C-alpha atoms as a PDB file:
ATOM      1  CA  MET A   1      10.630  24.421  39.527  1.00  0.00           C
ATOM      2  CA  ASP A   2      11.027  24.552  35.932  1.00  0.00           C
ATOM      3  CA  LYS A   3      13.540  27.584  35.279  1.00  0.00           C
ATOM      4  CA  LEU A   4      13.637  27.771  31.843  1.00  0.00           C
ATOM      5  CA  SER A   5      10.007  29.068  32.034  1.00  0.00           C
ATOM      6  CA  LEU A   6      11.284  32.100  34.313  1.00  0.00           C
ATOM      7  CA  VAL A   7      14.019  32.720  31.989  1.00  0.00           C
ATOM      8  CA  GLY A   8      11.898  33.071  29.323  1.00  0.00           C
ATOM      9  CA  VAL A   9       9.420  35.346  30.946  1.00  0.00           C
ATOM     10  CA  ILE A  10      12.170  37.482  32.316  1.00  0.00           C
ATOM     11  CA  VAL A  11      13.875  37.426  28.625  1.00  0.00           C
ATOM     12  CA  GLY A  12      11.774  38.091  26.363  1.00  0.00           C
ATOM     13  CA  PHE A  13       9.795  41.382  29.026  1.00  0.00           C
ATOM     14  CA  GLY A  14      13.545  41.777  29.814  1.00  0.00           C
ATOM     15  CA  ALA A  15      13.907  42.901  25.651  1.00  0.00           C
ATOM     16  CA  ILE A  16      10.885  45.367  25.135  1.00  0.00           C
ATOM     17  CA  LEU A  17      12.159  46.794  28.421  1.00  0.00           C
ATOM     18  CA  GLY A  18      15.628  47.419  27.739  1.00  0.00           C
ATOM     19  CA  GLY A  19      15.064  48.092  23.726  1.00  0.00           C
ATOM     20  CA  ASN A  20      12.529  51.035  24.852  1.00  0.00           C
ATOM     21  CA  PHE A  21      15.119  52.214  27.801  1.00  0.00           C
ATOM     22  CA  LEU A  22      18.027  52.362  25.018  1.00  0.00           C
ATOM     23  CA  GLU A  23      15.732  54.297  22.684  1.00  0.00           C
ATOM     24  CA  GLY A  24      15.160  57.062  24.534  1.00  0.00           C
ATOM     25  CA  GLY A  25      12.573  56.036  26.011  1.00  0.00           C
ATOM     26  CA  HIS A  26      11.282  55.376  30.491  1.00  0.00           C
ATOM     27  CA  ILE A  27       8.989  52.774  31.905  1.00  0.00           C
ATOM     28  CA  GLY A  28       6.547  55.246  33.269  1.00  0.00           C
ATOM     29  CA  ALA A  29       5.911  56.058  29.998  1.00  0.00           C
ATOM     30  CA  LEU A  30       4.605  52.579  29.321  1.00  0.00           C
ATOM     31  CA  MET A  31       2.819  52.825  32.605  1.00  0.00           C
ATOM     32  CA  ASN A  32      -0.676  53.678  31.430  1.00  0.00           C
ATOM     33  CA  LEU A  33      -3.607  52.699  33.995  1.00  0.00           C
ATOM     34  CA  PRO A  34      -7.479  52.952  31.506  1.00  0.00           C
ATOM     35  CA  ALA A  35      -4.506  51.100  29.031  1.00  0.00           C
ATOM     36  CA  ILE A  36      -4.555  48.623  31.374  1.00  0.00           C
ATOM     37  CA  LEU A  37      -8.053  48.223  31.879  1.00  0.00           C
ATOM     38  CA  ILE A  38      -9.186  48.591  28.802  1.00  0.00           C
ATOM     39  CA  VAL A  39      -6.845  45.591  27.201  1.00  0.00           C
ATOM     40  CA  LEU A  40      -6.902  43.611  30.632  1.00  0.00           C
ATOM     41  CA  GLY A  41     -10.461  43.781  31.640  1.00  0.00           C
ATOM     42  CA  GLY A  42     -11.944  43.741  27.918  1.00  0.00           C
ATOM     43  CA  THR A  43      -9.642  40.768  27.591  1.00  0.00           C
ATOM     44  CA  LEU A  44     -10.802  39.425  30.949  1.00  0.00           C
ATOM     45  CA  GLY A  45     -14.502  39.735  30.534  1.00  0.00           C
ATOM     46  CA  ALA A  46     -14.199  38.335  26.286  1.00  0.00           C
ATOM     47  CA  ALA A  47     -12.333  35.530  27.140  1.00  0.00           C
ATOM     48  CA  MET A  48     -14.627  34.700  30.221  1.00  0.00           C
ATOM     49  CA  LEU A  49     -17.955  34.682  28.427  1.00  0.00           C
ATOM     50  CA  GLN A  50     -16.567  32.195  25.753  1.00  0.00           C
ATOM     51  CA  THR A  51     -14.977  29.882  28.092  1.00  0.00           C
ATOM     52  CA  PRO A  52     -17.789  27.666  30.705  1.00  0.00           C
ATOM     53  CA  TYR A  53     -17.116  28.009  34.313  1.00  0.00           C
ATOM     54  CA  THR A  54     -15.250  24.089  34.685  1.00  0.00           C
ATOM     55  CA  SER A  55     -13.178  24.749  32.236  1.00  0.00           C
ATOM     56  CA  LEU A  56     -12.077  28.536  33.561  1.00  0.00           C
ATOM     57  CA  SER A  57     -11.835  27.098  36.989  1.00  0.00           C
ATOM     58  CA  ARG A  58      -9.384  24.465  35.705  1.00  0.00           C
ATOM     59  CA  ALA A  59      -7.786  26.757  34.054  1.00  0.00           C
ATOM     60  CA  MET A  60      -7.078  28.391  37.173  1.00  0.00           C
ATOM     61  CA  ALA A  61      -6.194  25.627  39.281  1.00  0.00           C
ATOM     62  CA  ILE A  62      -3.101  24.691  37.024  1.00  0.00           C
ATOM     63  CA  THR A  63      -1.796  27.779  35.568  1.00  0.00           C
ATOM     64  CA  GLY A  64       0.660  27.493  38.935  1.00  0.00           C
ATOM     65  CA  TRP A  65       1.988  24.141  36.253  1.00  0.00           C
ATOM     66  CA  VAL A  66       4.215  27.103  34.099  1.00  0.00           C
ATOM     67  CA  PHE A  67       6.562  27.559  36.645  1.00  0.00           C
ATOM     68  CA  PHE A  68       5.843  24.429  39.130  1.00  0.00           C
ATOM     69  CA  PRO A  69       4.712  21.181  37.117  1.00  0.00           C
ATOM     70  CA  PRO A  70       3.427  17.975  38.156  1.00  0.00           C
ATOM     71  CA  PRO A  71       6.671  16.554  38.472  1.00  0.00           C
ATOM     72  CA  ILE A  72       5.984  13.298  36.108  1.00  0.00           C
ATOM     73  CA  GLN A  73       9.447  11.288  36.399  1.00  0.00           C
ATOM     74  CA  LEU A  74       8.764   8.651  33.544  1.00  0.00           C
ATOM     75  CA  ASN A  75      12.065   6.459  34.221  1.00  0.00           C
ATOM     76  CA  SER A  76      10.798   5.691  37.561  1.00  0.00           C
ATOM     77  CA  GLY A  77       7.608   5.182  36.492  1.00  0.00           C
ATOM     78  CA  ILE A  78       8.533   2.220  33.557  1.00  0.00           C
ATOM     79  CA  LYS A  79      11.137   1.196  36.901  1.00  0.00           C
ATOM     80  CA  LYS A  80       7.849   1.024  39.063  1.00  0.00           C
ATOM     81  CA  VAL A  81       5.325  -0.630  36.325  1.00  0.00           C
ATOM     82  CA  VAL A  82       7.850  -3.542  36.090  1.00  0.00           C
ATOM     83  CA  GLU A  83       8.083  -4.053  39.913  1.00  0.00           C
ATOM     84  CA  TRP A  84       5.022  -4.646  40.084  1.00  0.00           C
ATOM     85  CA  SER A  85       5.002  -7.204  37.572  1.00  0.00           C
ATOM     86  CA  MET A  86       7.646  -9.120  39.632  1.00  0.00           C
ATOM     87  CA  THR A  87       5.258  -9.143  42.042  1.00  0.00           C
ATOM     88  CA  ALA A  88       2.232 -11.222  40.138  1.00  0.00           C
ATOM     89  CA  ARG A  89       4.780 -13.196  39.021  1.00  0.00           C
ATOM     90  CA  LYS A  90       6.075 -14.426  42.244  1.00  0.00           C
ATOM     91  CA  GLU A  91       2.802 -14.035  44.323  1.00  0.00           C
ATOM     92  CA  GLY A  92      -0.210 -13.617  41.716  1.00  0.00           C
ATOM     93  CA  LEU A  93      -2.074 -10.498  41.563  1.00  0.00           C
ATOM     94  CA  LEU A  94      -3.508 -10.297  44.608  1.00  0.00           C
ATOM     95  CA  GLY A  95       0.432 -10.044  46.189  1.00  0.00           C
ATOM     96  CA  LEU A  96      -0.554  -6.174  44.635  1.00  0.00           C
ATOM     97  CA  GLU A  97      -3.247  -5.265  46.841  1.00  0.00           C
ATOM     98  CA  LEU A  98      -1.093  -3.892  49.712  1.00  0.00           C
ATOM     99  CA  VAL A  99       0.521  -1.804  46.711  1.00  0.00           C
ATOM    100  CA  ALA A 100      -2.501  -0.311  45.809  1.00  0.00           C
ATOM    101  CA  GLU A 101      -2.798   1.100  49.630  1.00  0.00           C
ATOM    102  CA  GLU A 102       0.134   2.604  49.231  1.00  0.00           C
ATOM    103  CA  GLU A 103       0.040   4.296  45.728  1.00  0.00           C
ATOM    104  CA  THR A 104      -0.487   8.480  46.041  1.00  0.00           C
ATOM    105  CA  ASN A 105      -0.640   8.200  41.997  1.00  0.00           C
ATOM    106  CA  ASP A 106      -4.423   8.095  42.028  1.00  0.00           C
ATOM    107  CA  PHE A 107      -4.224   6.927  38.100  1.00  0.00           C
ATOM    108  CA  MET A 108      -1.613   4.651  39.274  1.00  0.00           C
ATOM    109  CA  LYS A 109      -3.650   3.686  42.256  1.00  0.00           C
ATOM    110  CA  LYS A 110      -6.784   2.929  40.215  1.00  0.00           C
ATOM    111  CA  GLY A 111      -5.048   0.815  37.511  1.00  0.00           C
ATOM    112  CA  LEU A 112      -3.764  -1.188  39.926  1.00  0.00           C
ATOM    113  CA  GLU A 113      -7.009  -1.746  42.004  1.00  0.00           C
ATOM    114  CA  LEU A 114      -8.210  -2.759  38.652  1.00  0.00           C
ATOM    115  CA  LEU A 115      -5.361  -6.039  38.578  1.00  0.00           C
ATOM    116  CA  VAL A 116      -5.770  -7.087  42.192  1.00  0.00           C
ATOM    117  CA  ASP A 117      -9.647  -7.194  41.507  1.00  0.00           C
ATOM    118  CA  GLY A 118      -9.162  -9.403  38.732  1.00  0.00           C
ATOM    119  CA  SER A 119     -10.598  -6.841  35.720  1.00  0.00           C
ATOM    120  CA  GLU A 120     -10.302  -8.204  32.049  1.00  0.00           C
ATOM    121  CA  PRO A 121      -7.348  -6.477  30.451  1.00  0.00           C
ATOM    122  CA  GLU A 122      -9.336  -5.254  27.787  1.00  0.00           C
ATOM    123  CA  VAL A 123     -11.807  -3.662  30.617  1.00  0.00           C
ATOM    124  CA  ILE A 124      -8.353  -2.614  32.729  1.00  0.00           C
ATOM    125  CA  ARG A 125      -7.126  -0.742  28.713  1.00  0.00           C
ATOM    126  CA  ASP A 126     -11.046   0.528  28.229  1.00  0.00           C
ATOM    127  CA  ILE A 127     -11.717   2.282  31.839  1.00  0.00           C
ATOM    128  CA  LEU A 128      -8.303   4.545  32.035  1.00  0.00           C
ATOM    129  CA  GLU A 129      -8.358   5.104  28.670  1.00  0.00           C
ATOM    130  CA  VAL A 130     -11.590   7.121  29.181  1.00  0.00           C
ATOM    131  CA  GLU A 131     -10.563   8.325  32.455  1.00  0.00           C
ATOM    132  CA  LEU A 132      -6.750   9.533  30.004  1.00  0.00           C
ATOM    133  CA  PHE A 133      -9.278  10.862  27.263  1.00  0.00           C
ATOM    134  CA  VAL A 134     -11.440  12.717  29.737  1.00  0.00           C
ATOM    135  CA  GLY A 135      -8.657  14.422  32.158  1.00  0.00           C
ATOM    136  CA  GLU A 136      -6.705  15.475  28.432  1.00  0.00           C
ATOM    137  CA  GLN A 137     -10.236  16.607  27.410  1.00  0.00           C
ATOM    138  CA  ARG A 138     -10.279  18.935  30.839  1.00  0.00           C
ATOM    139  CA  ASP A 139      -6.762  20.366  30.663  1.00  0.00           C
ATOM    140  CA  ILE A 140      -6.622  21.262  27.409  1.00  0.00           C
ATOM    141  CA  ASN A 141      -9.856  23.050  27.689  1.00  0.00           C
ATOM    142  CA  ALA A 142      -8.113  24.525  30.179  1.00  0.00           C
ATOM    143  CA  ALA A 143      -5.615  25.556  28.614  1.00  0.00           C
ATOM    144  CA  LYS A 144      -8.062  27.374  25.752  1.00  0.00           C
ATOM    145  CA  PHE A 145      -9.222  30.140  28.007  1.00  0.00           C
ATOM    146  CA  TYR A 146      -5.418  31.663  27.708  1.00  0.00           C
ATOM    147  CA  GLU A 147      -5.393  30.694  23.846  1.00  0.00           C
ATOM    148  CA  ALA A 148      -8.518  32.845  23.897  1.00  0.00           C
ATOM    149  CA  MET A 149      -6.612  35.671  25.240  1.00  0.00           C
ATOM    150  CA  GLY A 150      -3.830  35.449  23.833  1.00  0.00           C
ATOM    151  CA  GLY A 151      -6.482  35.479  20.243  1.00  0.00           C
ATOM    152  CA  TYR A 152      -8.685  38.754  21.679  1.00  0.00           C
ATOM    153  CA  SER A 153      -6.298  40.633  23.397  1.00  0.00           C
ATOM    154  CA  PRO A 154      -4.959  41.967  20.505  1.00  0.00           C
ATOM    155  CA  THR A 155      -8.159  43.502  18.993  1.00  0.00           C
ATOM    156  CA  ILE A 156      -9.456  44.823  22.553  1.00  0.00           C
ATOM    157  CA  GLY A 157      -5.458  46.782  22.591  1.00  0.00           C
ATOM    158  CA  ILE A 158      -7.513  48.291  19.010  1.00  0.00           C
ATOM    159  CA  ILE A 159     -10.251  48.900  21.023  1.00  0.00           C
ATOM    160  CA  GLY A 160      -8.111  51.181  23.644  1.00  0.00           C
ATOM    161  CA  ALA A 161      -6.101  52.918  20.479  1.00  0.00           C
ATOM    162  CA  VAL A 162      -9.781  53.893  18.834  1.00  0.00           C
ATOM    163  CA  LEU A 163     -11.336  55.021  22.235  1.00  0.00           C
ATOM    164  CA  GLY A 164      -7.636  57.118  23.086  1.00  0.00           C
ATOM    165  CA  LEU A 165      -7.600  59.015  19.761  1.00  0.00           C
ATOM    166  CA  VAL A 166     -11.442  59.585  20.123  1.00  0.00           C
ATOM    167  CA  HIS A 167     -11.016  60.947  22.943  1.00  0.00           C
ATOM    168  CA  VAL A 168      -8.346  63.230  21.163  1.00  0.00           C
ATOM    169  CA  MET A 169     -10.584  64.212  18.717  1.00  0.00           C
ATOM    170  CA  GLY A 170     -12.455  65.093  21.342  1.00  0.00           C
ATOM    171  CA  ASN A 171     -10.383  67.727  22.512  1.00  0.00           C
ATOM    172  CA  LEU A 172      -8.633  68.765  19.634  1.00  0.00           C
ATOM    173  CA  ALA A 173      -9.075  72.543  21.646  1.00  0.00           C
ATOM    174  CA  ASP A 174      -7.312  71.679  24.601  1.00  0.00           C
ATOM    175  CA  PRO A 175      -3.816  70.745  24.274  1.00  0.00           C
ATOM    176  CA  ALA A 176      -3.431  69.673  27.527  1.00  0.00           C
ATOM    177  CA  ALA A 177      -5.781  66.756  26.903  1.00  0.00           C
ATOM    178  CA  LEU A 178      -4.055  65.338  23.635  1.00  0.00           C
ATOM    179  CA  GLY A 179      -1.036  64.174  25.055  1.00  0.00           C
ATOM    180  CA  PRO A 180      -2.439  61.799  27.560  1.00  0.00           C
ATOM    181  CA  GLY A 181      -5.194  60.142  25.121  1.00  0.00           C
ATOM    182  CA  ILE A 182      -2.620  59.592  22.644  1.00  0.00           C
ATOM    183  CA  ALA A 183      -0.905  57.761  25.273  1.00  0.00           C
ATOM    184  CA  VAL A 184      -3.510  55.387  25.970  1.00  0.00           C
ATOM    185  CA  ALA A 185      -3.769  55.010  22.383  1.00  0.00           C
ATOM    186  CA  PHE A 186      -0.503  54.091  21.657  1.00  0.00           C
ATOM    187  CA  VAL A 187       0.172  52.268  24.944  1.00  0.00           C
ATOM    188  CA  ALA A 188      -3.431  50.340  24.632  1.00  0.00           C
ATOM    189  CA  THR A 189      -2.056  48.687  21.444  1.00  0.00           C
ATOM    190  CA  ILE A 190       1.307  47.741  23.269  1.00  0.00           C
ATOM    191  CA  TYR A 191      -0.467  45.910  26.002  1.00  0.00           C
ATOM    192  CA  GLY A 192      -2.610  44.269  23.773  1.00  0.00           C
ATOM    193  CA  VAL A 193       0.057  42.523  21.545  1.00  0.00           C
ATOM    194  CA  GLY A 194       2.494  41.870  24.011  1.00  0.00           C
ATOM    195  CA  LEU A 195       0.270  40.606  26.412  1.00  0.00           C
ATOM    196  CA  ALA A 196      -0.730  37.776  23.957  1.00  0.00           C
ATOM    197  CA  ASN A 197       2.519  36.905  22.374  1.00  0.00           C
ATOM    198  CA  LEU A 198       4.551  37.925  25.769  1.00  0.00           C
ATOM    199  CA  LEU A 199       2.107  35.409  28.085  1.00  0.00           C
ATOM    200  CA  PHE A 200      -0.757  34.976  27.297  1.00  0.00           C
ATOM    201  CA  LEU A 201      -0.295  31.980  24.342  1.00  0.00           C
ATOM    202  CA  PRO A 202       2.999  30.535  25.508  1.00  0.00           C
ATOM    203  CA  ILE A 203       1.245  30.646  29.060  1.00  0.00           C
ATOM    204  CA  ALA A 204      -1.503  28.470  26.728  1.00  0.00           C
ATOM    205  CA  SER A 205       1.097  26.168  24.785  1.00  0.00           C
ATOM    206  CA  LYS A 206       3.223  25.221  28.000  1.00  0.00           C
ATOM    207  CA  LEU A 207      -0.191  23.939  30.041  1.00  0.00           C
ATOM    208  CA  LYS A 208      -1.063  22.379  26.710  1.00  0.00           C
ATOM    209  CA  SER A 209       2.429  20.780  26.500  1.00  0.00           C
ATOM    210  CA  VAL A 210       2.545  20.072  30.839  1.00  0.00           C
ATOM    211  CA  THR A 211      -0.791  18.352  29.358  1.00  0.00           C
ATOM    212  CA  ARG A 212       1.380  16.115  26.739  1.00  0.00           C
ATOM    213  CA  ASP A 213       4.190  14.788  28.971  1.00  0.00           C
ATOM    214  CA  ASN A 214       0.866  13.872  31.835  1.00  0.00           C
ATOM    215  CA  VAL A 215      -0.701  11.782  28.992  1.00  0.00           C
ATOM    216  CA  GLN A 216       2.279   9.855  28.362  1.00  0.00           C
ATOM    217  CA  PHE A 217       3.200   8.975  31.343  1.00  0.00           C
ATOM    218  CA  GLN A 218      -0.613   7.409  31.820  1.00  0.00           C
ATOM    219  CA  GLU A 219      -0.457   5.837  28.812  1.00  0.00           C
ATOM    220  CA  MET A 220       3.275   4.299  29.853  1.00  0.00           C
ATOM    221  CA  VAL A 221       0.853   2.415  32.735  1.00  0.00           C
ATOM    222  CA  ILE A 222      -2.063   1.499  30.486  1.00  0.00           C
ATOM    223  CA  GLU A 223       0.418  -0.487  28.331  1.00  0.00           C
ATOM    224  CA  GLY A 224       2.047  -1.660  31.543  1.00  0.00           C
ATOM    225  CA  ILE A 225      -1.169  -2.376  33.978  1.00  0.00           C
ATOM    226  CA  VAL A 226      -2.511  -4.421  30.764  1.00  0.00           C
ATOM    227  CA  SER A 227       0.787  -6.100  29.958  1.00  0.00           C
ATOM    228  CA  ILE A 228       0.577  -7.178  33.913  1.00  0.00           C
ATOM    229  CA  ALA A 229      -2.610  -8.460  33.766  1.00  0.00           C
ATOM    230  CA  GLU A 230      -2.055 -10.519  30.426  1.00  0.00           C
ATOM    231  CA  GLY A 231       0.836 -12.297  32.482  1.00  0.00           C
ATOM    232  CA  GLU A 232       3.553 -10.834  30.403  1.00  0.00           C
ATOM    233  CA  ASN A 233       6.940 -11.484  31.292  1.00  0.00           C
ATOM    234  CA  PRO A 234       8.773  -8.460  33.340  1.00  0.00           C
ATOM    235  CA  LYS A 235      11.662  -8.579  30.708  1.00  0.00           C
ATOM    236  CA  SER A 236       8.785  -7.278  27.690  1.00  0.00           C
ATOM    237  CA  ILE A 237       6.469  -5.707  29.784  1.00  0.00           C
ATOM    238  CA  GLU A 238      10.086  -3.632  30.620  1.00  0.00           C
ATOM    239  CA  LEU A 239      11.359  -3.621  26.754  1.00  0.00           C
ATOM    240  CA  LYS A 240       7.924  -2.224  25.764  1.00  0.00           C
ATOM    241  CA  LEU A 241       7.820   0.545  28.316  1.00  0.00           C
ATOM    242  CA  SER A 242      11.576   2.049  27.701  1.00  0.00           C
ATOM    243  CA  GLY A 243       9.737   2.859  24.565  1.00  0.00           C
ATOM    244  CA  PHE A 244       8.364   5.757  25.800  1.00  0.00           C
ATOM    245  CA  SER A 245      11.283   6.641  27.918  1.00  0.00           C
ATOM    246  CA  GLN A 246      12.643   7.470  24.328  1.00  0.00           C
ATOM    247  CA  THR A 247       9.936  10.122  22.885  1.00  0.00           C
END
């Protein structure tokens, strides 16, 4: 679990609620169902309108990465690739056939299979880079769903505020209706700006960060697989790949 993400959520929302309490406010004043419906419903609808179904479904699938990112152990991955190069040097590329069958990482497995099949280094690089590019674009487009929500949320909050003021202006003769209307107006604005900056935009940035880490790992795998195909010395491969662990 990414504890820093959890701490960030707690600190962000805790600071807002704590500051409200110190100013003499209470949490109940911030709980307003009409404002929640306007902001969340409007924001979600607008983001869904601009997002293709494939990107939306992918966004839902990878949201958990915010707190539970896929394990990417770059150093152990480099060590594994170097071991493959030693095996290939001793037993030939066919010696990696059993290794490929047991590999659990789909991207690494595909690279090993291309090696075992005797594909040319240029062909291996082209095939794996296409898969890397497509996967990266898929996940970046998914992250843009939350980016869109972060962009629409403040504006929808303003719409909620205007609706609340319209309700207030229409009931000036009824003092009892003024309070709820004004509450919706101000709380909707808080929801719109708060959710955008404390939740939606940070989620989008975090998903993009995890995607970049995954891409870096896959780039390392590509360099390692191609180096093995070109018959490079295991020590040279290790030195080359060690640069990825320093970024």
